[in-house]
Amino acid sequence: MGQGLNVTVGKLKLKNPVIVASGTWGEEYESLMNASRLGAIVAKTVTLKPRMGNPPPRIVETAAGMLNSIGLENKGIEDFLKNKLPKLKRFNIPIIASVAGDDASEFRELARILDKAKDVDALELNLSCPNIKYGLKEGLIAQDAAATHEVVKAVRGVTRSTVIAKLSPNVTDIGKIAKAAEDAGADAVSLVNTFLGMAVDIDTKRPVLGNVTGGLSGPAIKPIALRMVREVHNKVDIPIIGIGGIMDYKDAVEFFLCGATAIQVGTANFVDPKAALGIIDGLKKYLSQNRISDMRKLIGRLKIGTHPIYLEK
């Protein structure tokens, strides 16, 4: 690349650290951008069997963000392998399959099936979608350290691929959950998934979303996502993929400084299909202007206690 943008996440060797997030990018974008320039693509989350998803309306714009309640609608793993994966693989960049299940056995089976798919380069375990009910009595898998450990360990036992645990921000201590994933064998963690929220129509006096609640994404969540990335960076030794309101290269740099090795672009793709490419170009320019030869020199280099208000005049 000439500017040292390449990074490594587990066995994944990325030519740049910019990944498009699950459910926010599809092959229909091919006519709008050069997808081969991306670091990687996370495919839309797939389950063992087809899912109908949640009732509409499913998306609503909010102040500095959006709420979505898709409910992981998909046609199942067989359709993904037959119809979706071949279209994504032709871009000749790493493909990360996103998988979800109700319990460890479903995640294990998905991982076993995908381990045989030569065109899948890594697995992202969606432990944290706020719009579906998992096999727990209450909450998400990623809200329980023991459940997170169980699922990651089950997957680790049946796949050689890079395993990425996608974590929920809807927890008290995300560092504890990340450590559980690391201890179970995760090669990396991605954070954060969306925040649980809702919107209300004051005329009908009803929730706007058909599912009542949905996942909040976009610039509104970036400050909290940054804080959580920093917290996790201080707790684990595995790479972190930062997610949450990344709209331009400046946002991306903030995540790298807080400890992210790579980033995922989500909501920005709906605003501008070429957003991820703009971030790549911006990062190149930033590294050049600051005479930084290697992306790794940015990761976790946040300076604490050096703000001008703390320095002697």
C-alpha atoms as a PDB file:
ATOM      1  CA  MET A   1       0.000   0.000   0.000  1.00  0.00           C
ATOM      2  CA  GLY A   2       2.980   2.286   0.501  1.00  0.00           C
ATOM      3  CA  GLN A   3       1.685   3.793   3.754  1.00  0.00           C
ATOM      4  CA  GLY A   4       1.812   0.780   6.085  1.00  0.00           C
ATOM      5  CA  LEU A   5      -1.956   0.269   6.308  1.00  0.00           C
ATOM      6  CA  ASN A   6      -1.776  -3.515   6.545  1.00  0.00           C
ATOM      7  CA  VAL A   7      -2.783  -5.153   9.840  1.00  0.00           C
ATOM      8  CA  THR A   8      -3.227  -8.688  11.148  1.00  0.00           C
ATOM      9  CA  VAL A   9      -6.227 -10.019  13.065  1.00  0.00           C
ATOM     10  CA  GLY A  10      -5.739 -13.640  14.029  1.00  0.00           C
ATOM     11  CA  LYS A  11      -4.855 -15.404  10.776  1.00  0.00           C
ATOM     12  CA  LEU A  12      -6.395 -12.570   8.745  1.00  0.00           C
ATOM     13  CA  LYS A  13      -3.868 -10.463   6.912  1.00  0.00           C
ATOM     14  CA  LEU A  14      -5.631  -7.275   5.827  1.00  0.00           C
ATOM     15  CA  LYS A  15      -4.162  -4.823   3.322  1.00  0.00           C
ATOM     16  CA  ASN A  16      -5.881  -2.074   5.289  1.00  0.00           C
ATOM     17  CA  PRO A  17      -7.861  -1.975   8.569  1.00  0.00           C
ATOM     18  CA  VAL A  18     -11.191  -0.831   7.084  1.00  0.00           C
ATOM     19  CA  ILE A  19     -13.926  -3.477   7.109  1.00  0.00           C
ATOM     20  CA  VAL A  20     -17.592  -3.060   6.182  1.00  0.00           C
ATOM     21  CA  ALA A  21     -19.904  -4.241   8.964  1.00  0.00           C
ATOM     22  CA  SER A  22     -22.422  -7.050   8.844  1.00  0.00           C
ATOM     23  CA  GLY A  23     -25.783  -6.168   7.371  1.00  0.00           C
ATOM     24  CA  THR A  24     -24.676  -2.779   6.066  1.00  0.00           C
ATOM     25  CA  TRP A  25     -23.037  -3.701   2.749  1.00  0.00           C
ATOM     26  CA  GLY A  26     -24.007  -6.022  -0.087  1.00  0.00           C
ATOM     27  CA  GLU A  27     -22.885  -6.981  -3.557  1.00  0.00           C
ATOM     28  CA  GLU A  28     -25.333  -4.429  -4.994  1.00  0.00           C
ATOM     29  CA  TYR A  29     -22.798  -1.762  -3.950  1.00  0.00           C
ATOM     30  CA  GLU A  30     -20.424  -3.156  -6.571  1.00  0.00           C
ATOM     31  CA  SER A  31     -21.686  -0.703  -9.176  1.00  0.00           C
ATOM     32  CA  LEU A  32     -21.064   2.233  -6.826  1.00  0.00           C
ATOM     33  CA  MET A  33     -17.539   1.521  -5.573  1.00  0.00           C
ATOM     34  CA  ASN A  34     -14.407  -0.554  -6.043  1.00  0.00           C
ATOM     35  CA  ALA A  35     -15.010  -3.169  -3.337  1.00  0.00           C
ATOM     36  CA  SER A  36     -11.632  -4.814  -3.929  1.00  0.00           C
ATOM     37  CA  ARG A  37     -10.039  -1.856  -2.102  1.00  0.00           C
ATOM     38  CA  LEU A  38     -11.688  -2.788   1.203  1.00  0.00           C
ATOM     39  CA  GLY A  39      -9.781  -4.530   3.957  1.00  0.00           C
ATOM     40  CA  ALA A  40     -12.524  -7.136   4.349  1.00  0.00           C
ATOM     41  CA  ILE A  41     -16.276  -7.667   4.224  1.00  0.00           C
ATOM     42  CA  VAL A  42     -18.407  -9.014   7.068  1.00  0.00           C
ATOM     43  CA  ALA A  43     -21.356 -10.765   5.475  1.00  0.00           C
ATOM     44  CA  LYS A  44     -24.901 -10.373   6.786  1.00  0.00           C
ATOM     45  CA  THR A  45     -25.497 -12.599   9.801  1.00  0.00           C
ATOM     46  CA  VAL A  46     -26.646 -16.100   8.923  1.00  0.00           C
ATOM     47  CA  THR A  47     -28.383 -18.731  11.038  1.00  0.00           C
ATOM     48  CA  LEU A  48     -28.777 -22.482  10.616  1.00  0.00           C
ATOM     49  CA  LYS A  49     -32.368 -22.235   9.415  1.00  0.00           C
ATOM     50  CA  PRO A  50     -34.126 -19.351   7.642  1.00  0.00           C
ATOM     51  CA  ARG A  51     -35.464 -16.540   9.841  1.00  0.00           C
ATOM     52  CA  MET A  52     -38.405 -14.297   9.021  1.00  0.00           C
ATOM     53  CA  GLY A  53     -37.081 -11.360  11.014  1.00  0.00           C
ATOM     54  CA  ASN A  54     -39.052  -8.803  12.980  1.00  0.00           C
ATOM     55  CA  PRO A  55     -42.307  -7.093  11.939  1.00  0.00           C
ATOM     56  CA  PRO A  56     -42.061  -3.732  10.137  1.00  0.00           C
ATOM     57  CA  PRO A  57     -41.337  -0.902  10.434  1.00  0.00           C
ATOM     58  CA  ARG A  58     -37.729  -2.000  10.941  1.00  0.00           C
ATOM     59  CA  ILE A  59     -35.665   1.170  10.523  1.00  0.00           C
ATOM     60  CA  VAL A  60     -36.083   4.721  11.776  1.00  0.00           C
ATOM     61  CA  GLU A  61     -33.728   7.680  11.650  1.00  0.00           C
ATOM     62  CA  THR A  62     -32.854   9.292  14.980  1.00  0.00           C
ATOM     63  CA  ALA A  63     -30.798  12.294  16.074  1.00  0.00           C
ATOM     64  CA  ALA A  64     -27.224  11.553  14.919  1.00  0.00           C
ATOM     65  CA  GLY A  65     -28.024   7.943  14.197  1.00  0.00           C
ATOM     66  CA  MET A  66     -30.563   5.286  13.348  1.00  0.00           C
ATOM     67  CA  LEU A  67     -32.514   2.496  14.991  1.00  0.00           C
ATOM     68  CA  ASN A  68     -32.856  -0.855  13.272  1.00  0.00           C
ATOM     69  CA  SER A  69     -34.811  -3.940  14.210  1.00  0.00           C
ATOM     70  CA  ILE A  70     -34.258  -6.342  11.343  1.00  0.00           C
ATOM     71  CA  GLY A  71     -34.234  -9.427  13.542  1.00  0.00           C
ATOM     72  CA  LEU A  72     -31.528 -11.262  11.580  1.00  0.00           C
ATOM     73  CA  GLU A  73     -33.762 -12.050   8.615  1.00  0.00           C
ATOM     74  CA  ASN A  74     -31.907 -14.484   6.357  1.00  0.00           C
ATOM     75  CA  LYS A  75     -32.440 -17.609   4.260  1.00  0.00           C
ATOM     76  CA  GLY A  76     -30.176 -19.879   6.294  1.00  0.00           C
ATOM     77  CA  ILE A  77     -26.683 -21.299   5.983  1.00  0.00           C
ATOM     78  CA  GLU A  78     -27.327 -23.406   2.866  1.00  0.00           C
ATOM     79  CA  ASP A  79     -28.525 -20.402   0.892  1.00  0.00           C
ATOM     80  CA  PHE A  80     -25.543 -18.359   2.121  1.00  0.00           C
ATOM     81  CA  LEU A  81     -23.058 -20.927   0.868  1.00  0.00           C
ATOM     82  CA  LYS A  82     -24.822 -21.441  -2.447  1.00  0.00           C
ATOM     83  CA  ASN A  83     -25.949 -17.948  -3.386  1.00  0.00           C
ATOM     84  CA  LYS A  84     -24.362 -15.258  -1.198  1.00  0.00           C
ATOM     85  CA  LEU A  85     -20.768 -16.337  -0.620  1.00  0.00           C
ATOM     86  CA  PRO A  86     -19.780 -16.791  -4.305  1.00  0.00           C
ATOM     87  CA  LYS A  87     -20.907 -13.228  -5.086  1.00  0.00           C
ATOM     88  CA  LEU A  88     -18.874 -11.774  -2.227  1.00  0.00           C
ATOM     89  CA  LYS A  89     -15.753 -13.824  -2.905  1.00  0.00           C
ATOM     90  CA  ARG A  90     -15.318 -12.468  -6.411  1.00  0.00           C
ATOM     91  CA  PHE A  91     -14.077  -9.189  -4.907  1.00  0.00           C
ATOM     92  CA  ASN A  92     -10.888 -11.061  -3.961  1.00  0.00           C
ATOM     93  CA  ILE A  93     -10.711  -9.737  -0.395  1.00  0.00           C
ATOM     94  CA  PRO A  94     -11.179 -11.581   2.930  1.00  0.00           C
ATOM     95  CA  ILE A  95     -14.761 -12.577   3.712  1.00  0.00           C
ATOM     96  CA  ILE A  96     -15.820 -12.780   7.342  1.00  0.00           C
ATOM     97  CA  ALA A  97     -18.959 -14.849   7.903  1.00  0.00           C
ATOM     98  CA  SER A  98     -21.227 -13.575  10.673  1.00  0.00           C
ATOM     99  CA  VAL A  99     -23.158 -16.313  12.469  1.00  0.00           C
ATOM    100  CA  ALA A 100     -25.836 -16.410  15.164  1.00  0.00           C
ATOM    101  CA  GLY A 101     -27.560 -19.192  17.058  1.00  0.00           C
ATOM    102  CA  ASP A 102     -29.755 -19.739  20.075  1.00  0.00           C
ATOM    103  CA  ASP A 103     -27.133 -21.707  21.974  1.00  0.00           C
ATOM    104  CA  ALA A 104     -23.612 -23.117  21.843  1.00  0.00           C
ATOM    105  CA  SER A 105     -24.657 -26.173  19.832  1.00  0.00           C
ATOM    106  CA  GLU A 106     -26.061 -24.024  16.999  1.00  0.00           C
ATOM    107  CA  PHE A 107     -22.965 -21.841  16.901  1.00  0.00           C
ATOM    108  CA  ARG A 108     -20.821 -24.981  16.878  1.00  0.00           C
ATOM    109  CA  GLU A 109     -22.744 -26.482  13.963  1.00  0.00           C
ATOM    110  CA  LEU A 110     -22.515 -23.271  11.938  1.00  0.00           C
ATOM    111  CA  ALA A 111     -18.767 -23.109  12.586  1.00  0.00           C
ATOM    112  CA  ARG A 112     -18.352 -26.764  11.602  1.00  0.00           C
ATOM    113  CA  ILE A 113     -20.172 -26.194   8.304  1.00  0.00           C
ATOM    114  CA  LEU A 114     -18.290 -22.996   7.489  1.00  0.00           C
ATOM    115  CA  ASP A 115     -14.928 -24.541   8.377  1.00  0.00           C
ATOM    116  CA  LYS A 116     -15.332 -26.644   5.248  1.00  0.00           C
ATOM    117  CA  ALA A 117     -16.075 -23.586   3.096  1.00  0.00           C
ATOM    118  CA  LYS A 118     -12.748 -22.606   1.557  1.00  0.00           C
ATOM    119  CA  ASP A 119     -13.996 -19.123   0.688  1.00  0.00           C
ATOM    120  CA  VAL A 120     -14.683 -18.094   4.305  1.00  0.00           C
ATOM    121  CA  ASP A 121     -11.646 -16.437   5.873  1.00  0.00           C
ATOM    122  CA  ALA A 122     -12.941 -15.815   9.413  1.00  0.00           C
ATOM    123  CA  LEU A 123     -16.005 -16.124  11.637  1.00  0.00           C
ATOM    124  CA  GLU A 124     -17.633 -13.306  13.561  1.00  0.00           C
ATOM    125  CA  LEU A 125     -19.856 -14.696  16.300  1.00  0.00           C
ATOM    126  CA  ASN A 126     -22.865 -12.410  16.645  1.00  0.00           C
ATOM    127  CA  LEU A 127     -23.402 -12.859  20.377  1.00  0.00           C
ATOM    128  CA  SER A 128     -24.986  -9.465  20.784  1.00  0.00           C
ATOM    129  CA  CYS A 129     -27.824  -8.638  18.386  1.00  0.00           C
ATOM    130  CA  PRO A 130     -30.359  -6.757  20.542  1.00  0.00           C
ATOM    131  CA  ASN A 131     -33.272  -7.619  18.250  1.00  0.00           C
ATOM    132  CA  ILE A 132     -33.612 -11.377  18.763  1.00  0.00           C
ATOM    133  CA  LYS A 133     -34.201 -13.745  21.636  1.00  0.00           C
ATOM    134  CA  TYR A 134     -31.343 -16.150  22.251  1.00  0.00           C
ATOM    135  CA  GLY A 135     -31.608 -19.423  24.111  1.00  0.00           C
ATOM    136  CA  LEU A 136     -31.056 -17.741  27.468  1.00  0.00           C
ATOM    137  CA  LYS A 137     -33.760 -17.183  30.041  1.00  0.00           C
ATOM    138  CA  GLU A 138     -32.978 -13.492  29.903  1.00  0.00           C
ATOM    139  CA  GLY A 139     -30.663 -11.228  27.916  1.00  0.00           C
ATOM    140  CA  LEU A 140     -28.021 -11.764  25.256  1.00  0.00           C
ATOM    141  CA  ILE A 141     -25.181 -14.264  25.163  1.00  0.00           C
ATOM    142  CA  ALA A 142     -22.737 -11.342  25.218  1.00  0.00           C
ATOM    143  CA  GLN A 143     -24.310 -10.077  28.444  1.00  0.00           C
ATOM    144  CA  ASP A 144     -23.172 -13.185  30.290  1.00  0.00           C
ATOM    145  CA  ALA A 145     -19.472 -14.019  30.671  1.00  0.00           C
ATOM    146  CA  ALA A 146     -20.110 -17.731  31.203  1.00  0.00           C
ATOM    147  CA  ALA A 147     -22.395 -17.995  28.163  1.00  0.00           C
ATOM    148  CA  THR A 148     -19.875 -16.080  26.036  1.00  0.00           C
ATOM    149  CA  HIS A 149     -17.094 -18.424  27.151  1.00  0.00           C
ATOM    150  CA  GLU A 150     -19.241 -21.485  26.400  1.00  0.00           C
ATOM    151  CA  VAL A 151     -20.105 -20.395  22.859  1.00  0.00           C
ATOM    152  CA  VAL A 152     -16.595 -19.292  21.901  1.00  0.00           C
ATOM    153  CA  LYS A 153     -15.086 -22.487  23.312  1.00  0.00           C
ATOM    154  CA  ALA A 154     -17.601 -24.599  21.379  1.00  0.00           C
ATOM    155  CA  VAL A 155     -16.739 -22.831  18.136  1.00  0.00           C
ATOM    156  CA  ARG A 156     -13.003 -22.895  18.776  1.00  0.00           C
ATOM    157  CA  GLY A 157     -13.139 -26.668  19.011  1.00  0.00           C
ATOM    158  CA  VAL A 158     -14.454 -27.180  15.484  1.00  0.00           C
ATOM    159  CA  THR A 159     -12.833 -24.496  13.329  1.00  0.00           C
ATOM    160  CA  ARG A 160      -9.375 -23.501  12.183  1.00  0.00           C
ATOM    161  CA  SER A 161     -10.599 -20.099  11.071  1.00  0.00           C
ATOM    162  CA  THR A 162     -10.027 -16.835  12.890  1.00  0.00           C
ATOM    163  CA  VAL A 163     -12.772 -16.474  15.508  1.00  0.00           C
ATOM    164  CA  ILE A 164     -14.046 -12.977  16.337  1.00  0.00           C
ATOM    165  CA  ALA A 165     -16.540 -12.463  19.173  1.00  0.00           C
ATOM    166  CA  LYS A 166     -18.882  -9.532  18.570  1.00  0.00           C
ATOM    167  CA  LEU A 167     -19.780  -7.978  21.916  1.00  0.00           C
ATOM    168  CA  SER A 168     -22.712  -5.993  23.242  1.00  0.00           C
ATOM    169  CA  PRO A 169     -22.391  -2.533  24.790  1.00  0.00           C
ATOM    170  CA  ASN A 170     -25.497  -3.231  26.860  1.00  0.00           C
ATOM    171  CA  VAL A 171     -23.463  -4.480  29.828  1.00  0.00           C
ATOM    172  CA  THR A 172     -21.958  -3.131  33.029  1.00  0.00           C
ATOM    173  CA  ASP A 173     -18.394  -4.397  32.443  1.00  0.00           C
ATOM    174  CA  ILE A 174     -17.551  -5.143  28.810  1.00  0.00           C
ATOM    175  CA  GLY A 175     -13.938  -5.885  29.759  1.00  0.00           C
ATOM    176  CA  LYS A 176     -15.100  -8.900  31.748  1.00  0.00           C
ATOM    177  CA  ILE A 177     -17.023 -10.268  28.765  1.00  0.00           C
ATOM    178  CA  ALA A 178     -14.081  -9.671  26.413  1.00  0.00           C
ATOM    179  CA  LYS A 179     -11.730 -11.515  28.774  1.00  0.00           C
ATOM    180  CA  ALA A 180     -14.130 -14.460  28.853  1.00  0.00           C
ATOM    181  CA  ALA A 181     -14.046 -14.579  25.049  1.00  0.00           C
ATOM    182  CA  GLU A 182     -10.254 -14.397  25.019  1.00  0.00           C
ATOM    183  CA  ASP A 183      -9.923 -17.145  27.614  1.00  0.00           C
ATOM    184  CA  ALA A 184     -12.210 -19.375  25.550  1.00  0.00           C
ATOM    185  CA  GLY A 185     -10.013 -19.051  22.477  1.00  0.00           C
ATOM    186  CA  ALA A 186     -11.275 -16.048  20.526  1.00  0.00           C
ATOM    187  CA  ASP A 187      -8.649 -14.580  18.198  1.00  0.00           C
ATOM    188  CA  ALA A 188     -10.228 -11.126  18.401  1.00  0.00           C
ATOM    189  CA  VAL A 189     -13.244  -9.217  19.656  1.00  0.00           C
ATOM    190  CA  SER A 190     -15.349  -6.698  17.745  1.00  0.00           C
ATOM    191  CA  LEU A 191     -17.130  -3.954  19.645  1.00  0.00           C
ATOM    192  CA  VAL A 192     -19.529  -2.476  19.972  1.00  0.00           C
ATOM    193  CA  ASN A 193     -22.781  -3.794  18.585  1.00  0.00           C
ATOM    194  CA  THR A 194     -25.780  -1.494  18.786  1.00  0.00           C
ATOM    195  CA  PHE A 195     -27.322   0.003  21.911  1.00  0.00           C
ATOM    196  CA  LEU A 196     -30.877  -0.994  22.777  1.00  0.00           C
ATOM    197  CA  GLY A 197     -33.223   1.936  22.183  1.00  0.00           C
ATOM    198  CA  MET A 198     -36.627   2.970  20.909  1.00  0.00           C
ATOM    199  CA  ALA A 199     -38.509   5.756  19.155  1.00  0.00           C
ATOM    200  CA  VAL A 200     -42.072   6.927  19.795  1.00  0.00           C
ATOM    201  CA  ASP A 201     -44.652   8.421  17.433  1.00  0.00           C
ATOM    202  CA  ILE A 202     -46.413  11.138  19.448  1.00  0.00           C
ATOM    203  CA  ASP A 203     -49.385  11.249  17.065  1.00  0.00           C
ATOM    204  CA  THR A 204     -50.243   7.556  17.225  1.00  0.00           C
ATOM    205  CA  LYS A 205     -48.799   7.257  20.742  1.00  0.00           C
ATOM    206  CA  ARG A 206     -47.127   4.026  19.642  1.00  0.00           C
ATOM    207  CA  PRO A 207     -43.551   2.814  19.204  1.00  0.00           C
ATOM    208  CA  VAL A 208     -42.243   3.573  15.715  1.00  0.00           C
ATOM    209  CA  LEU A 209     -40.600   0.173  15.314  1.00  0.00           C
ATOM    210  CA  GLY A 210     -42.738  -2.923  14.892  1.00  0.00           C
ATOM    211  CA  ASN A 211     -40.584  -4.724  17.448  1.00  0.00           C
ATOM    212  CA  VAL A 212     -40.906  -1.770  19.883  1.00  0.00           C
ATOM    213  CA  THR A 213     -37.146  -1.599  20.489  1.00  0.00           C
ATOM    214  CA  GLY A 214     -34.172  -1.705  18.148  1.00  0.00           C
ATOM    215  CA  GLY A 215     -30.442  -1.201  17.936  1.00  0.00           C
ATOM    216  CA  LEU A 216     -29.074   2.345  17.966  1.00  0.00           C
ATOM    217  CA  SER A 217     -26.080   3.001  15.709  1.00  0.00           C
ATOM    218  CA  GLY A 218     -24.346   5.971  14.122  1.00  0.00           C
ATOM    219  CA  PRO A 219     -22.396   8.996  15.405  1.00  0.00           C
ATOM    220  CA  ALA A 220     -24.524   9.211  18.566  1.00  0.00           C
ATOM    221  CA  ILE A 221     -22.867   6.101  20.020  1.00  0.00           C
ATOM    222  CA  LYS A 222     -19.237   6.849  19.112  1.00  0.00           C
ATOM    223  CA  PRO A 223     -18.143   8.406  22.426  1.00  0.00           C
ATOM    224  CA  ILE A 224     -19.390   5.399  24.390  1.00  0.00           C
ATOM    225  CA  ALA A 225     -17.936   2.936  21.894  1.00  0.00           C
ATOM    226  CA  LEU A 226     -14.530   4.629  22.181  1.00  0.00           C
ATOM    227  CA  ARG A 227     -14.638   4.352  25.964  1.00  0.00           C
ATOM    228  CA  MET A 228     -15.465   0.660  25.741  1.00  0.00           C
ATOM    229  CA  VAL A 229     -12.702  -0.056  23.211  1.00  0.00           C
ATOM    230  CA  ARG A 230     -10.215   1.568  25.567  1.00  0.00           C
ATOM    231  CA  GLU A 231     -11.524  -0.456  28.503  1.00  0.00           C
ATOM    232  CA  VAL A 232     -11.211  -3.719  26.586  1.00  0.00           C
ATOM    233  CA  HIS A 233      -7.755  -2.780  25.293  1.00  0.00           C
ATOM    234  CA  ASN A 234      -6.655  -2.613  28.924  1.00  0.00           C
ATOM    235  CA  LYS A 235      -8.098  -6.064  29.674  1.00  0.00           C
ATOM    236  CA  VAL A 236      -7.167  -8.338  26.765  1.00  0.00           C
ATOM    237  CA  ASP A 237      -4.160  -9.112  24.591  1.00  0.00           C
ATOM    238  CA  ILE A 238      -6.066 -10.096  21.446  1.00  0.00           C
ATOM    239  CA  PRO A 239      -6.875  -7.593  18.672  1.00  0.00           C
ATOM    240  CA  ILE A 240      -9.948  -5.387  18.877  1.00  0.00           C
ATOM    241  CA  ILE A 241     -12.089  -4.395  15.909  1.00  0.00           C
ATOM    242  CA  GLY A 242     -13.690  -1.059  16.746  1.00  0.00           C
ATOM    243  CA  ILE A 243     -17.274  -0.301  15.716  1.00  0.00           C
ATOM    244  CA  GLY A 244     -19.635   2.559  16.432  1.00  0.00           C
ATOM    245  CA  GLY A 245     -20.366   5.770  14.552  1.00  0.00           C
ATOM    246  CA  ILE A 246     -17.291   5.778  12.333  1.00  0.00           C
ATOM    247  CA  MET A 247     -18.153   8.196   9.540  1.00  0.00           C
ATOM    248  CA  ASP A 248     -14.711   9.404   8.395  1.00  0.00           C
ATOM    249  CA  TYR A 249     -11.002   8.779   8.844  1.00  0.00           C
ATOM    250  CA  LYS A 250     -10.800  11.025  11.908  1.00  0.00           C
ATOM    251  CA  ASP A 251     -13.309   8.807  13.698  1.00  0.00           C
ATOM    252  CA  ALA A 252     -11.266   5.773  12.682  1.00  0.00           C
ATOM    253  CA  VAL A 253      -8.045   7.265  14.051  1.00  0.00           C
ATOM    254  CA  GLU A 254      -9.755   7.848  17.395  1.00  0.00           C
ATOM    255  CA  PHE A 255     -10.574   4.146  17.595  1.00  0.00           C
ATOM    256  CA  PHE A 256      -7.003   3.150  16.738  1.00  0.00           C
ATOM    257  CA  LEU A 257      -5.630   5.428  19.432  1.00  0.00           C
ATOM    258  CA  CYS A 258      -8.010   3.836  21.950  1.00  0.00           C
ATOM    259  CA  GLY A 259      -6.715   0.364  21.086  1.00  0.00           C
ATOM    260  CA  ALA A 260      -8.474  -0.929  17.965  1.00  0.00           C
ATOM    261  CA  THR A 261      -6.401  -2.838  15.401  1.00  0.00           C
ATOM    262  CA  ALA A 262      -9.087  -2.549  12.714  1.00  0.00           C
ATOM    263  CA  ILE A 263     -12.476  -0.877  12.388  1.00  0.00           C
ATOM    264  CA  GLN A 264     -15.850  -1.651  10.888  1.00  0.00           C
ATOM    265  CA  VAL A 265     -17.934   0.871   8.993  1.00  0.00           C
ATOM    266  CA  GLY A 266     -21.697   0.391   9.309  1.00  0.00           C
ATOM    267  CA  THR A 267     -24.246   3.203   9.366  1.00  0.00           C
ATOM    268  CA  ALA A 268     -21.993   5.385   7.194  1.00  0.00           C
ATOM    269  CA  ASN A 269     -22.550   2.950   4.317  1.00  0.00           C
ATOM    270  CA  PHE A 270     -26.219   3.934   4.230  1.00  0.00           C
ATOM    271  CA  VAL A 271     -25.305   7.620   4.062  1.00  0.00           C
ATOM    272  CA  ASP A 272     -22.560   7.210   1.472  1.00  0.00           C
ATOM    273  CA  PRO A 273     -21.842   3.849  -0.204  1.00  0.00           C
ATOM    274  CA  LYS A 274     -18.251   5.011  -0.744  1.00  0.00           C
ATOM    275  CA  ALA A 275     -17.675   5.994   2.904  1.00  0.00           C
ATOM    276  CA  ALA A 276     -15.279   3.138   3.608  1.00  0.00           C
ATOM    277  CA  LEU A 277     -13.100   4.042   0.620  1.00  0.00           C
ATOM    278  CA  GLY A 278     -12.994   7.660   1.820  1.00  0.00           C
ATOM    279  CA  ILE A 279     -11.784   6.443   5.197  1.00  0.00           C
ATOM    280  CA  ILE A 280      -9.024   4.400   3.562  1.00  0.00           C
ATOM    281  CA  ASP A 281      -7.866   7.426   1.564  1.00  0.00           C
ATOM    282  CA  GLY A 282      -8.047   9.620   4.661  1.00  0.00           C
ATOM    283  CA  LEU A 283      -5.956   7.188   6.683  1.00  0.00           C
ATOM    284  CA  LYS A 284      -3.291   7.112   3.967  1.00  0.00           C
ATOM    285  CA  LYS A 285      -3.076  10.890   4.021  1.00  0.00           C
ATOM    286  CA  TYR A 286      -3.054  11.040   7.832  1.00  0.00           C
ATOM    287  CA  LEU A 287      -0.184   8.560   8.108  1.00  0.00           C
ATOM    288  CA  SER A 288       1.784  10.401   5.427  1.00  0.00           C
ATOM    289  CA  GLN A 289       1.271  13.833   6.966  1.00  0.00           C
ATOM    290  CA  ASN A 290       2.260  12.559  10.412  1.00  0.00           C
ATOM    291  CA  ARG A 291       5.201  10.546   9.089  1.00  0.00           C
ATOM    292  CA  ILE A 292       3.825   7.300  10.488  1.00  0.00           C
ATOM    293  CA  SER A 293       5.136   4.331   8.543  1.00  0.00           C
ATOM    294  CA  ASP A 294       3.118   1.567  10.215  1.00  0.00           C
ATOM    295  CA  MET A 295      -0.489   1.407  11.431  1.00  0.00           C
ATOM    296  CA  ARG A 296       0.692  -0.439  14.523  1.00  0.00           C
ATOM    297  CA  LYS A 297       2.327   2.746  15.752  1.00  0.00           C
ATOM    298  CA  LEU A 298      -1.156   4.227  16.205  1.00  0.00           C
ATOM    299  CA  ILE A 299      -2.803   1.365  18.077  1.00  0.00           C
ATOM    300  CA  GLY A 300      -3.352   2.108  21.748  1.00  0.00           C
ATOM    301  CA  ARG A 301      -1.194   5.232  21.676  1.00  0.00           C
ATOM    302  CA  LEU A 302      -3.725   7.432  23.455  1.00  0.00           C
ATOM    303  CA  LYS A 303      -1.951   9.936  25.705  1.00  0.00           C
ATOM    304  CA  ILE A 304      -3.494  10.250  29.155  1.00  0.00           C
ATOM    305  CA  GLY A 305      -2.860  13.236  31.423  1.00  0.00           C
ATOM    306  CA  THR A 306      -1.139  15.385  28.793  1.00  0.00           C
ATOM    307  CA  HIS A 307      -4.021  17.724  27.974  1.00  0.00           C
ATOM    308  CA  PRO A 308      -2.866  21.381  28.011  1.00  0.00           C
ATOM    309  CA  ILE A 309      -5.007  22.166  31.059  1.00  0.00           C
ATOM    310  CA  TYR A 310      -2.852  19.753  33.074  1.00  0.00           C
ATOM    311  CA  LEU A 311       0.473  21.152  31.946  1.00  0.00           C
ATOM    312  CA  GLU A 312       2.444  23.933  33.599  1.00  0.00           C
ATOM    313  CA  LYS A 313       2.310  27.221  31.769  1.00  0.00           C
END
